[in-house]
Amino acid sequence: HPIAIICPGGGYGCVCSFIEGIPFAKYLNTKGISAVIVYYSIKEQATYPNPQDDLARAVGEVRDRAEELKLDFANYSVWGSSAGGHLVASFGTDNMGYQKYGLPKPRTAVLIYPVISMDPEVTHLGSKEALIGVNATREQIDFASAHLHVTADYPDTYIWCGDSDSLVPPKNTELMAEALKAAGVPYQCDVFPGVDHGVGLATGIAAEGWIDKAIAFWKSRCK
C-alpha cells in the first residue's frame, strides 16, 4: 500500500489527532492508503530537535517494517497540519530534515495551513516559543524557518491554507510557495476563501476536497 506519515497540529503544545490525525488516516484508508500518526514531543519536551527526532524515528521505523506491513515506502509521503506542518516542512530541509538523519526523501510533503516562519511578525508565537524559546536569537529564528532552507532537493509539495486563517497567518504558506518556486521544486498551492484555521477535512466549507487534491498530487509524483 501507499503510506502516509501524519503529524497533526497543536502548537507544539499538544497533538490534535482528533482533528488532523485520525480523520485523515481513516479517509486515506478508504482510498487504499495506509497511514501512521506521529505523536511527537510537545510542551516542555518540544524544544528543538526533539520533535524532529521523533518524526525521523517514525520514518525509520516505517522503513524498517515496510516489507512486513506491505508498504510502498519508496513513494512515502509526510503530512503535517499547523505546527505539525512546520515539523513536516522542516523534515524536507537540509539543516533539519531527512538528509541530516540519513533517510530517503519523501516523495511528497503535504502541508496543511502550516507554520513555516519563526519570525515573530509572521509565525504562530506558541509554536515558536515551544520549539526555540521565548528569547530565541535571530540565528535560531532563521535556522528554524523552513522556507529559508528550501533547496532543489526538497520533496515535491502540496500546500494549502485559508485566506481567513486567524491563528497562523497565510503569509506562512505564501513564503513557502515562493521558496519552492525559487528552488524549482514541483508544488501545488491552494488558498481557499473564507476558511479559518484548524478545519481538518474541511467538510462543508470552501476547502472541502483538499485531501483529494493532495492525494492526486502525491500520486502524480510517484514513480
Foldseek 3Di string as FASTA:
>chain_A
DAEEEEFEDDLLAFGPCVFANVVLQVVVVVVVYHYHYFGFHGDLRQEPPRRLVSVLVVLVVCVVCCVVVVYPNVAHEYEYEALRLLSQLQQQFPLRHDVVVVHDAHQEYEYELYAAFLPPVAGQVSNNCGYQHPPHDPVRRLSSRSLNGDALSGHEYEYEYECAAPRGHCVSVVSNVVSCVVRVHHYHYYYFYPDYGSCRCVPPDRCHPVSVVVVVVSVVRDD
